[in-house]
Amino acid sequence: MGKGDKKTKRGKIHIGTHGVSRPKKNAAKKSAAKAAPKKAAKKAK
């Protein structure tokens, strides 16, 4: 669980990748914007 572990934040920093444990900064904005306009769909009778 250190620099060699691809699944940890420290490992991702060392390798230079992004993912669940180390998301990109602009990805947080996209996910927040994506979740906001979600509305419940009404069923047509």
Protein backbone atom coordinates (compact mmCIF):
# COMPACT_ATOMS: atom_id res chain seq x y z
CA MET A 1 0.00 0.00 0.00
CA GLY A 2 2.40 2.63 -1.20
CA LYS A 3 3.80 4.12 -4.36
CA GLY A 4 3.61 0.80 -6.20
CA ASP A 5 -0.10 0.23 -5.47
CA LYS A 6 -2.13 1.40 -8.48
CA LYS A 7 -5.38 1.55 -6.46
CA THR A 8 -4.24 4.08 -3.85
CA LYS A 9 -4.05 7.85 -4.20
CA ARG A 10 -0.29 7.82 -3.53
CA GLY A 11 0.24 5.14 -6.18
CA LYS A 12 -1.76 7.08 -8.74
CA ILE A 13 0.27 10.23 -8.01
CA HIS A 14 3.48 8.20 -8.49
CA ILE A 15 2.28 6.64 -11.77
CA GLY A 16 0.59 9.85 -12.95
CA THR A 17 -2.89 8.48 -13.55
CA HIS A 18 -6.38 9.36 -12.33
CA GLY A 19 -9.32 7.25 -11.17
CA VAL A 20 -11.81 6.73 -8.35
CA SER A 21 -9.29 7.35 -5.57
CA ARG A 22 -7.72 10.30 -7.45
CA PRO A 23 -10.27 12.03 -9.69
CA LYS A 24 -9.33 14.88 -12.00
CA LYS A 25 -10.43 18.30 -10.72
CA ASN A 26 -12.70 19.03 -13.71
CA ALA A 27 -14.35 15.59 -13.35
CA ALA A 28 -15.91 16.72 -10.06
CA LYS A 29 -17.58 19.65 -11.83
CA LYS A 30 -18.91 17.39 -14.59
CA SER A 31 -20.40 14.85 -12.18
CA ALA A 32 -22.05 17.61 -10.10
CA ALA A 33 -23.52 19.22 -13.21
CA LYS A 34 -24.65 15.86 -14.50
CA ALA A 35 -26.45 14.92 -11.27
CA ALA A 36 -28.21 18.27 -10.78
CA PRO A 37 -30.64 18.30 -13.77
CA LYS A 38 -31.86 14.78 -13.04
CA LYS A 39 -35.63 14.74 -12.60
CA ALA A 40 -38.07 11.92 -12.01
CA ALA A 41 -39.76 10.83 -15.21
CA LYS A 42 -43.54 10.71 -15.10
CA LYS A 43 -45.26 7.71 -16.59
CA ALA A 44 -47.77 8.43 -19.34
CA LYS A 45 -51.13 6.73 -18.88
